[in-house]
């Protein structure tokens, strides 16, 4: 395993060096002098705002601790105001946000005290960073501060503040980007996330790293390299390495041990023709938990997309795919074989299914599915995927069933603009509808169909 880790890390570091050498050779051969003139544009101030309204209804997922036929209805309103100041290659950007939630219905509970984010809630910075671009021969960009990080298809890195859901997704981070060529770049980043946001303005002290509030002093830190290589148009690929350390306190009767682990992976994006393209992502995890268990987890995704009619305005496409996350059928042994979601503790591809995983720690999953998409009229998009859900291993051997079939999941999302330019050239208004249906399998004792429905309106000014 150590030899594999060393080999993969050397690959991440060696590829940009090789590409850089090839680029230098091309420039030497062409003998074309490079001249870069930077215009002095002076100080540039900018700003704007956005609003997001969501109405969500959920018929509870089986296995979440609530009896069948329980439901909830929640209204959410998030507002954000941003501003930036730029001078030449330097930018200071900040965005202040607020979100409150109202439960209009919830089985088994009174309405008073149900909402954990009540109006007017608190103000918090979900972005506050400084940018410096074109450093070191115009090849390096630097971003320091609270920022958003998303790589690949977000299977590894997408949300640093996981505990508040989609209310925010920021990371406290430093990121440097080396532009090896126009088509190849290498990101190096470091992350530190404390338990609570000490800069939020309000009466709360909410945990940011875990939904389970019985744990305190949870800290997460990490660092990594992410390489995007696009030199070959028919075969772009990505290589990455992420180290992460999770610290958890232990309460009486409830233990969640911290861990120190490494994730190595690659994402391959072959383009076979104008109509056929593929995606393969493979990753392995190794490390150790605080209680001495050895970590060994795996993640795999494979999909093949066929564009039915590339020149048609509808742009129909279909993608058969499978997602695999390793599981652990012996949780009390000397090893932990569960996949760790790293910085992707989000609802990901399904709100309903995410309820099954404590703190959205996705693991022990096999999801073969069929995805499709079509553009209806102009700028109206419909996305659909459907398939059976299994566990990778039987993680509840005590019941003796040995059944790994969780059920059948179908998800659909429709997005469309409402109007543009209603409050200036940059403003727009759009809406979306998302529907999820889950038919539980023999893995569960409950057999009630789970349903999630969301209506969303977004306004940008």
Protein backbone atom coordinates (compact mmCIF):
# COMPACT_ATOMS: atom_id res chain seq x y z
CA UNK A 1 0.00 0.00 0.00
CA UNK A 2 2.84 2.42 0.82
CA UNK A 3 4.41 1.66 -2.56
CA UNK A 4 1.07 2.42 -4.27
CA UNK A 5 0.74 5.71 -2.34
CA UNK A 6 4.27 6.76 -3.30
CA UNK A 7 3.73 5.84 -6.95
CA UNK A 8 0.46 7.79 -7.24
CA UNK A 9 1.90 10.85 -5.52
CA UNK A 10 4.90 10.80 -7.87
CA UNK A 11 2.52 10.62 -10.83
CA UNK A 12 0.61 13.71 -9.63
CA UNK A 13 3.88 15.64 -9.33
CA UNK A 14 5.60 14.27 -12.45
CA UNK A 15 2.89 14.92 -15.03
CA UNK A 16 2.91 18.75 -14.77
CA UNK A 17 6.71 18.74 -14.90
CA UNK A 18 6.62 16.68 -18.09
CA UNK A 19 3.92 18.86 -19.66
CA UNK A 20 5.85 22.00 -18.72
CA UNK A 21 8.97 20.61 -20.37
CA UNK A 22 7.01 19.82 -23.54
CA UNK A 23 5.57 23.32 -23.57
CA UNK A 24 9.02 24.86 -23.18
CA UNK A 25 10.32 22.74 -26.06
CA UNK A 26 7.49 23.91 -28.30
CA UNK A 27 8.21 27.56 -27.51
CA UNK A 28 11.89 27.08 -28.17
CA UNK A 29 11.16 25.46 -31.49
CA UNK A 30 8.76 28.16 -32.59
CA UNK A 31 11.08 31.01 -31.55
CA UNK A 32 8.07 33.31 -31.16
CA UNK A 33 8.81 36.03 -28.62
CA UNK A 34 6.23 36.45 -25.87
CA UNK A 35 5.07 39.93 -24.97
CA UNK A 36 2.45 40.54 -22.35
CA UNK A 37 1.04 43.99 -21.80
CA UNK A 38 -1.15 44.55 -18.80
CA UNK A 39 -3.60 47.40 -18.98
CA UNK A 40 -3.87 49.59 -15.93
CA UNK A 41 -7.59 49.51 -15.36
CA UNK A 42 -7.50 51.21 -11.98
CA UNK A 43 -9.74 50.31 -9.07
CA UNK A 44 -12.86 48.37 -10.01
CA UNK A 45 -15.74 48.01 -7.54
CA UNK A 46 -18.57 45.56 -8.06
CA UNK A 47 -21.41 44.01 -6.09
CA UNK A 48 -24.68 42.17 -6.21
CA UNK A 49 -27.15 39.97 -4.37
CA UNK A 50 -29.16 36.77 -4.73
CA UNK A 51 -32.19 35.17 -3.09
CA UNK A 52 -33.12 31.50 -2.93
CA UNK A 53 -36.59 30.32 -1.90
CA UNK A 54 -37.26 26.62 -1.30
CA UNK A 55 -40.39 24.76 -0.30
CA UNK A 56 -39.57 21.15 0.58
CA UNK A 57 -41.85 18.23 1.40
CA UNK A 58 -40.54 14.87 2.56
CA UNK A 59 -42.26 11.60 3.29
CA UNK A 60 -39.62 10.09 5.55
CA UNK A 61 -37.10 7.57 4.32
CA UNK A 62 -37.28 4.14 6.02
CA UNK A 63 -34.55 3.42 8.52
CA UNK A 64 -34.16 7.02 9.69
CA UNK A 65 -35.63 6.44 13.16
CA UNK A 66 -39.13 7.65 12.26
CA UNK A 67 -42.09 5.38 11.70
CA UNK A 68 -43.59 4.96 8.26
CA UNK A 69 -45.96 7.63 6.95
CA UNK A 70 -44.22 10.44 8.86
CA UNK A 71 -43.70 13.62 6.91
CA UNK A 72 -42.45 17.20 7.07
CA UNK A 73 -42.84 20.39 5.10
CA UNK A 74 -40.21 23.12 5.36
CA UNK A 75 -39.81 26.56 3.79
CA UNK A 76 -36.32 28.00 3.45
CA UNK A 77 -35.18 31.48 2.41
CA UNK A 78 -31.52 32.30 1.86
CA UNK A 79 -30.29 35.80 1.04
CA UNK A 80 -26.74 36.78 0.10
CA UNK A 81 -25.04 40.10 -0.66
CA UNK A 82 -21.58 40.26 -2.21
CA UNK A 83 -19.03 42.88 -3.10
CA UNK A 84 -15.56 42.97 -4.65
CA UNK A 85 -12.72 45.44 -5.11
CA UNK A 86 -10.15 44.74 -7.84
CA UNK A 87 -6.96 46.46 -8.85
CA UNK A 88 -4.98 44.98 -11.70
CA UNK A 89 -4.35 41.33 -10.71
CA UNK A 90 -5.54 41.65 -7.12
CA UNK A 91 -9.10 41.20 -5.85
CA UNK A 92 -10.79 41.28 -2.46
CA UNK A 93 -14.14 39.48 -2.44
CA UNK A 94 -16.71 39.07 0.33
CA UNK A 95 -20.21 37.65 0.56
CA UNK A 96 -22.53 37.91 3.59
CA UNK A 97 -25.43 35.46 3.88
CA UNK A 98 -28.46 34.60 5.98
CA UNK A 99 -30.91 31.71 5.87
CA UNK A 100 -33.92 30.93 8.02
CA UNK A 101 -36.27 27.95 7.89
CA UNK A 102 -39.90 27.46 8.87
CA UNK A 103 -41.53 24.06 9.39
CA UNK A 104 -45.13 24.38 8.28
CA UNK A 105 -45.81 20.72 9.11
CA UNK A 106 -43.93 17.96 10.87
CA UNK A 107 -45.31 14.71 12.24
CA UNK A 108 -44.91 14.00 15.93
CA UNK A 109 -43.67 17.46 16.93
CA UNK A 110 -45.10 20.85 17.73
CA UNK A 111 -44.30 23.69 15.41
CA UNK A 112 -42.75 25.79 18.19
CA UNK A 113 -39.07 25.11 18.52
CA UNK A 114 -38.81 22.86 15.48
CA UNK A 115 -36.87 25.29 13.29
CA UNK A 116 -33.18 25.44 14.15
CA UNK A 117 -32.66 28.41 11.85
CA UNK A 118 -35.34 30.94 12.73
CA UNK A 119 -35.86 34.45 11.34
CA UNK A 120 -33.77 36.53 11.26
CA UNK A 121 -31.19 33.92 12.24
CA UNK A 122 -27.56 35.05 11.90
CA UNK A 123 -25.28 36.78 9.44
CA UNK A 124 -22.25 34.85 8.30
CA UNK A 125 -19.52 35.19 5.67
CA UNK A 126 -19.75 32.28 3.27
CA UNK A 127 -16.97 33.83 1.16
CA UNK A 128 -14.19 36.20 2.18
CA UNK A 129 -10.96 35.85 0.25
CA UNK A 130 -8.06 37.65 -1.42
CA UNK A 131 -7.00 36.81 -4.98
CA UNK A 132 -3.59 37.42 -6.50
CA UNK A 133 -3.25 36.33 -10.14
CA UNK A 134 -0.44 36.01 -12.67
CA UNK A 135 2.33 35.54 -10.13
CA UNK A 136 5.71 33.95 -10.95
CA UNK A 137 5.96 34.55 -14.69
CA UNK A 138 2.17 34.80 -14.98
CA UNK A 139 1.78 31.09 -14.20
CA UNK A 140 0.53 31.08 -10.60
CA UNK A 141 -2.75 32.25 -9.07
CA UNK A 142 -3.23 32.45 -5.30
CA UNK A 143 -6.46 32.59 -3.29
CA UNK A 144 -6.40 33.01 0.49
CA UNK A 145 -9.44 32.95 2.78
CA UNK A 146 -12.96 31.57 2.95
CA UNK A 147 -13.80 30.17 -0.46
CA UNK A 148 -15.63 27.42 -2.32
CA UNK A 149 -13.75 24.39 -3.66
CA UNK A 150 -15.25 21.95 -6.12
CA UNK A 151 -13.30 19.45 -8.18
CA UNK A 152 -14.29 16.89 -10.77
CA UNK A 153 -17.86 15.76 -10.28
CA UNK A 154 -17.73 16.75 -6.57
CA UNK A 155 -17.34 13.14 -5.40
CA UNK A 156 -14.36 14.07 -3.21
CA UNK A 157 -14.45 17.82 -2.55
CA UNK A 158 -17.58 19.99 -2.63
CA UNK A 159 -18.60 21.25 0.84
CA UNK A 160 -16.44 22.23 3.82
CA UNK A 161 -19.24 23.32 6.17
CA UNK A 162 -21.28 20.14 6.00
CA UNK A 163 -23.45 20.52 9.11
CA UNK A 164 -25.71 23.28 7.75
CA UNK A 165 -26.62 21.51 4.51
CA UNK A 166 -26.76 23.73 1.43
CA UNK A 167 -26.96 26.87 3.57
CA UNK A 168 -23.24 27.27 2.90
CA UNK A 169 -20.45 25.21 1.32
CA UNK A 170 -17.32 27.20 2.13
CA UNK A 171 -13.82 26.14 3.10
CA UNK A 172 -11.31 28.10 5.14
CA UNK A 173 -8.47 27.50 2.75
CA UNK A 174 -5.38 28.58 0.87
CA UNK A 175 -5.22 27.54 -2.78
CA UNK A 176 -2.44 28.01 -5.32
CA UNK A 177 -2.98 27.20 -9.00
CA UNK A 178 -0.05 26.53 -11.31
CA UNK A 179 -1.01 27.01 -14.97
CA UNK A 180 1.35 24.53 -16.57
CA UNK A 181 -0.12 25.22 -20.01
CA UNK A 182 -3.39 26.66 -21.28
CA UNK A 183 -4.99 23.22 -20.89
CA UNK A 184 -3.19 21.81 -17.85
CA UNK A 185 -3.22 23.10 -14.27
CA UNK A 186 -2.17 21.90 -10.84
CA UNK A 187 -3.95 23.06 -7.68
CA UNK A 188 -2.32 22.81 -4.25
CA UNK A 189 -4.54 23.61 -1.25
CA UNK A 190 -4.68 23.54 2.51
CA UNK A 191 -7.91 23.49 4.58
CA UNK A 192 -8.79 24.14 8.21
CA UNK A 193 -12.37 23.93 9.49
CA UNK A 194 -13.12 24.53 13.20
CA UNK A 195 -16.24 23.21 14.89
CA UNK A 196 -18.15 26.50 14.80
CA UNK A 197 -18.02 29.72 12.80
CA UNK A 198 -16.65 32.24 15.29
CA UNK A 199 -17.20 35.11 12.85
CA UNK A 200 -20.96 34.63 12.52
CA UNK A 201 -23.06 37.49 13.89
CA UNK A 202 -25.87 36.07 16.02
CA UNK A 203 -26.75 34.29 19.27
CA UNK A 204 -25.86 30.80 18.02
CA UNK A 205 -22.81 28.58 18.26
CA UNK A 206 -23.65 25.96 15.67
CA UNK A 207 -21.36 23.06 14.81
CA UNK A 208 -20.15 23.27 11.23
CA UNK A 209 -18.53 19.87 10.81
CA UNK A 210 -21.11 17.42 12.13
CA UNK A 211 -24.89 17.40 12.22
CA UNK A 212 -24.80 15.54 15.53
CA UNK A 213 -24.62 18.39 18.07
CA UNK A 214 -23.75 16.08 20.98
CA UNK A 215 -20.17 16.14 19.73
CA UNK A 216 -18.08 19.20 20.53
CA UNK A 217 -14.68 20.50 19.53
CA UNK A 218 -14.76 18.76 16.16
CA UNK A 219 -12.00 20.02 13.90
CA UNK A 220 -11.15 19.06 10.37
CA UNK A 221 -8.02 19.91 8.42
CA UNK A 222 -6.65 18.76 5.12
CA UNK A 223 -4.36 19.40 2.19
CA UNK A 224 -4.11 18.13 -1.33
CA UNK A 225 -3.05 18.30 -4.95
CA UNK A 226 -5.44 18.24 -7.89
CA UNK A 227 -4.10 17.96 -11.43
CA UNK A 228 -6.19 18.62 -14.55
CA UNK A 229 -4.56 17.52 -17.79
CA UNK A 230 -6.28 18.56 -21.01
CA UNK A 231 -3.49 18.27 -23.56
CA UNK A 232 -5.27 15.48 -25.44
CA UNK A 233 -8.74 16.62 -26.46
CA UNK A 234 -9.86 13.02 -26.89
CA UNK A 235 -8.59 11.92 -23.47
CA UNK A 236 -8.48 14.55 -20.69
CA UNK A 237 -7.83 13.19 -17.22
CA UNK A 238 -7.34 14.22 -13.60
CA UNK A 239 -5.12 12.96 -10.77
CA UNK A 240 -5.52 13.89 -7.13
CA UNK A 241 -4.27 13.33 -3.61
CA UNK A 242 -6.07 14.56 -0.46
CA UNK A 243 -4.92 14.20 3.15
CA UNK A 244 -7.53 14.75 5.85
CA UNK A 245 -7.55 14.70 9.64
CA UNK A 246 -10.83 14.52 11.58
CA UNK A 247 -10.95 15.09 15.33
CA UNK A 248 -13.99 14.10 17.41
CA UNK A 249 -14.71 14.28 21.11
CA UNK A 250 -16.31 11.22 22.71
CA UNK A 251 -19.50 11.50 24.76
CA UNK A 252 -20.81 8.87 27.13
CA UNK A 253 -22.67 6.20 25.18
CA UNK A 254 -21.83 7.73 21.80
CA UNK A 255 -18.41 7.36 20.25
CA UNK A 256 -17.26 8.62 16.91
CA UNK A 257 -13.52 8.29 16.60
CA UNK A 258 -11.38 10.69 14.68
CA UNK A 259 -9.23 9.60 11.79
CA UNK A 260 -6.12 10.51 9.81
CA UNK A 261 -6.24 9.25 6.23
CA UNK A 262 -5.15 9.74 2.64
CA UNK A 263 -7.17 9.57 -0.58
CA UNK A 264 -5.55 8.88 -3.96
CA UNK A 265 -7.59 8.95 -7.13
CA UNK A 266 -7.93 9.55 -10.83
CA UNK A 267 -10.74 10.67 -13.11
CA UNK A 268 -10.62 9.70 -16.79
CA UNK A 269 -12.79 11.44 -19.42
CA UNK A 270 -12.33 9.71 -22.78
CA UNK A 271 -14.15 11.04 -25.83
CA UNK A 272 -14.68 8.21 -28.30
CA UNK A 273 -16.64 10.19 -30.88
CA UNK A 274 -18.92 13.19 -31.27
CA UNK A 275 -21.74 11.15 -29.76
CA UNK A 276 -20.00 8.84 -27.27
CA UNK A 277 -17.98 9.85 -24.20
CA UNK A 278 -17.08 8.17 -20.96
CA UNK A 279 -16.20 8.91 -17.36
CA UNK A 280 -14.30 6.71 -14.94
CA UNK A 281 -13.26 7.73 -11.42
CA UNK A 282 -11.31 5.44 -9.10
CA UNK A 283 -10.02 6.24 -5.61
CA UNK A 284 -8.46 4.42 -2.67
CA UNK A 285 -8.17 5.48 0.98
CA UNK A 286 -5.65 4.46 3.61
CA UNK A 287 -4.85 5.64 7.12
CA UNK A 288 -5.78 4.98 10.74
CA UNK A 289 -8.57 5.84 13.17
CA UNK A 290 -7.93 7.23 16.66
CA UNK A 291 -8.80 3.86 18.19
CA UNK A 292 -6.15 2.09 16.12
CA UNK A 293 -8.17 0.60 13.25
CA UNK A 294 -6.57 0.47 9.81
CA UNK A 295 -8.46 2.36 7.10
CA UNK A 296 -8.86 0.82 3.65
CA UNK A 297 -11.71 2.20 1.53
CA UNK A 298 -12.53 2.29 -2.17
CA UNK A 299 -14.68 4.34 -4.52
CA UNK A 300 -15.44 3.69 -8.15
CA UNK A 301 -17.66 5.27 -10.80
CA UNK A 302 -18.08 4.35 -14.43
CA UNK A 303 -20.44 5.80 -17.00
CA UNK A 304 -20.85 5.91 -20.77
CA UNK A 305 -22.79 8.83 -22.28
CA UNK A 306 -24.44 8.63 -25.67
CA UNK A 307 -25.66 11.88 -27.24
CA UNK A 308 -28.64 10.72 -29.29
CA UNK A 309 -28.71 13.75 -31.58
CA UNK A 310 -25.84 16.25 -30.95
CA UNK A 311 -27.16 18.78 -33.48
CA UNK A 312 -30.74 18.63 -32.24
CA UNK A 313 -31.95 21.55 -30.10
CA UNK A 314 -33.29 19.08 -27.53
CA UNK A 315 -29.77 17.65 -26.97
CA UNK A 316 -31.04 14.30 -25.67
CA UNK A 317 -28.50 12.07 -23.95
CA UNK A 318 -28.47 8.81 -22.02
CA UNK A 319 -25.87 7.47 -19.56
CA UNK A 320 -25.76 3.96 -18.12
CA UNK A 321 -23.51 4.12 -15.04
CA UNK A 322 -22.63 2.51 -11.74
CA UNK A 323 -21.36 4.02 -8.46
CA UNK A 324 -19.53 1.90 -5.88
CA UNK A 325 -18.57 2.88 -2.31
CA UNK A 326 -16.91 0.24 -0.14
CA UNK A 327 -18.51 -0.90 3.11
CA UNK A 328 -17.57 -2.63 6.35
CA UNK A 329 -19.39 -5.75 7.52
CA UNK A 330 -17.25 -6.09 10.67
CA UNK A 331 -17.30 -2.63 12.32
CA UNK A 332 -15.71 -3.87 15.56
CA UNK A 333 -12.73 -5.52 13.88
CA UNK A 334 -9.24 -4.09 13.54
CA UNK A 335 -10.02 -2.49 10.18
CA UNK A 336 -12.38 0.16 8.81
CA UNK A 337 -13.27 -0.61 5.21
CA UNK A 338 -16.00 1.99 4.84
CA UNK A 339 -15.51 4.64 2.19
CA UNK A 340 -15.15 8.10 3.75
CA UNK A 341 -16.89 10.97 1.98
CA UNK A 342 -13.83 13.26 2.57
CA UNK A 343 -15.29 16.75 1.87
CA UNK A 344 -18.44 15.56 0.10
CA UNK A 345 -20.78 15.24 3.09
CA UNK A 346 -23.71 16.59 1.12
CA UNK A 347 -27.08 15.31 -0.09
CA UNK A 348 -25.15 14.56 -3.31
CA UNK A 349 -27.36 12.86 -5.90
CA UNK A 350 -30.33 12.15 -3.59
CA UNK A 351 -31.83 13.94 -0.60
CA UNK A 352 -33.80 10.84 0.36
CA UNK A 353 -30.86 8.47 0.21
CA UNK A 354 -28.58 10.85 2.11
CA UNK A 355 -30.88 10.45 5.14
CA UNK A 356 -29.56 6.90 5.45
CA UNK A 357 -26.03 8.06 6.19
CA UNK A 358 -25.14 9.65 9.51
CA UNK A 359 -23.89 13.19 8.89
CA UNK A 360 -24.04 12.41 5.14
CA UNK A 361 -21.06 10.09 5.43
CA UNK A 362 -21.69 8.17 2.23
CA UNK A 363 -20.43 4.56 2.29
CA UNK A 364 -21.38 0.94 1.58
CA UNK A 365 -23.29 1.61 -1.62
CA UNK A 366 -23.72 0.07 -5.05
CA UNK A 367 -25.92 2.10 -7.38
CA UNK A 368 -26.27 0.91 -11.00
CA UNK A 369 -28.46 3.45 -12.74
CA UNK A 370 -29.58 4.98 -15.97
CA UNK A 371 -29.31 8.77 -16.32
CA UNK A 372 -30.79 10.94 -19.05
CA UNK A 373 -31.14 14.56 -20.00
CA UNK A 374 -32.97 16.72 -22.50
CA UNK A 375 -33.28 20.45 -23.19
CA UNK A 376 -36.95 21.33 -23.46
CA UNK A 377 -37.58 24.45 -25.53
CA UNK A 378 -34.88 27.08 -24.82
CA UNK A 379 -32.85 26.86 -21.60
CA UNK A 380 -35.35 24.46 -20.02
CA UNK A 381 -33.58 21.32 -18.84
CA UNK A 382 -34.94 18.01 -17.63
CA UNK A 383 -32.64 15.50 -15.89
CA UNK A 384 -33.60 12.01 -14.81
CA UNK A 385 -31.89 8.99 -13.30
CA UNK A 386 -33.23 5.76 -11.98
CA UNK A 387 -31.94 2.44 -10.67
CA UNK A 388 -31.77 -0.13 -7.86
CA UNK A 389 -29.77 0.59 -4.70
CA UNK A 390 -27.68 -2.03 -2.89
CA UNK A 391 -25.20 -2.16 -0.07
CA UNK A 392 -21.69 -3.31 -1.00
CA UNK A 393 -21.64 -5.66 2.03
CA UNK A 394 -24.24 -6.82 4.55
CA UNK A 395 -23.80 -4.22 7.30
CA UNK A 396 -26.58 -5.56 9.52
CA UNK A 397 -25.65 -9.23 10.02
CA UNK A 398 -27.36 -9.29 13.41
CA UNK A 399 -30.79 -9.55 11.77
CA UNK A 400 -29.70 -12.62 9.85
CA UNK A 401 -31.42 -11.56 6.60
CA UNK A 402 -28.24 -11.04 4.61
CA UNK A 403 -30.23 -8.90 2.20
CA UNK A 404 -28.31 -6.07 0.53
CA UNK A 405 -31.15 -4.74 -1.66
CA UNK A 406 -32.13 -1.33 -0.30
CA UNK A 407 -34.71 -0.44 -2.87
CA UNK A 408 -35.37 1.41 -6.11
CA UNK A 409 -34.61 5.12 -6.53
CA UNK A 410 -35.93 7.51 -9.17
CA UNK A 411 -34.98 11.19 -9.31
CA UNK A 412 -36.07 13.94 -11.71
CA UNK A 413 -35.18 17.63 -11.86
CA UNK A 414 -36.63 20.32 -14.14
CA UNK A 415 -34.94 23.73 -14.45
CA UNK A 416 -36.17 26.75 -16.40
CA UNK A 417 -35.68 30.53 -16.53
CA UNK A 418 -38.55 32.80 -15.62
CA UNK A 419 -37.22 36.12 -16.85
CA UNK A 420 -33.96 37.96 -17.48
CA UNK A 421 -32.90 41.55 -17.10
CA UNK A 422 -35.74 42.52 -14.77
CA UNK A 423 -33.36 44.44 -12.51
CA UNK A 424 -30.43 45.32 -14.75
CA UNK A 425 -28.53 43.42 -17.43
CA UNK A 426 -27.05 40.91 -15.03
CA UNK A 427 -30.24 40.02 -13.17
CA UNK A 428 -32.25 36.88 -13.82
CA UNK A 429 -34.98 34.80 -12.24
CA UNK A 430 -35.25 31.01 -12.58
CA UNK A 431 -37.04 28.14 -10.92
CA UNK A 432 -36.67 24.38 -10.52
CA UNK A 433 -38.68 21.36 -9.42
CA UNK A 434 -37.03 18.25 -7.96
CA UNK A 435 -38.83 14.99 -7.29
CA UNK A 436 -37.42 11.83 -5.71
CA UNK A 437 -39.23 8.54 -5.12
CA UNK A 438 -37.77 5.56 -3.25
CA UNK A 439 -39.42 2.15 -3.03
CA UNK A 440 -37.77 0.31 -0.11
CA UNK A 441 -36.53 -3.24 -0.56
CA UNK A 442 -36.06 -6.22 1.74
CA UNK A 443 -33.18 -4.45 3.51
CA UNK A 444 -35.82 -2.51 5.49
CA UNK A 445 -38.69 -3.59 7.67
CA UNK A 446 -40.78 -0.58 6.54
CA UNK A 447 -42.40 -0.77 3.12
CA UNK A 448 -43.89 2.72 2.73
CA UNK A 449 -42.83 4.65 -0.36
CA UNK A 450 -40.54 7.59 0.46
CA UNK A 451 -41.06 10.84 -1.47
CA UNK A 452 -39.16 14.12 -1.61
CA UNK A 453 -40.48 17.17 -3.48
CA UNK A 454 -38.81 20.57 -3.74
CA UNK A 455 -39.85 23.74 -5.51
CA UNK A 456 -37.13 26.37 -5.80
CA UNK A 457 -36.95 29.96 -7.06
CA UNK A 458 -33.63 31.78 -7.51
CA UNK A 459 -33.22 35.49 -8.13
CA UNK A 460 -29.90 37.18 -8.94
CA UNK A 461 -29.32 40.91 -9.06
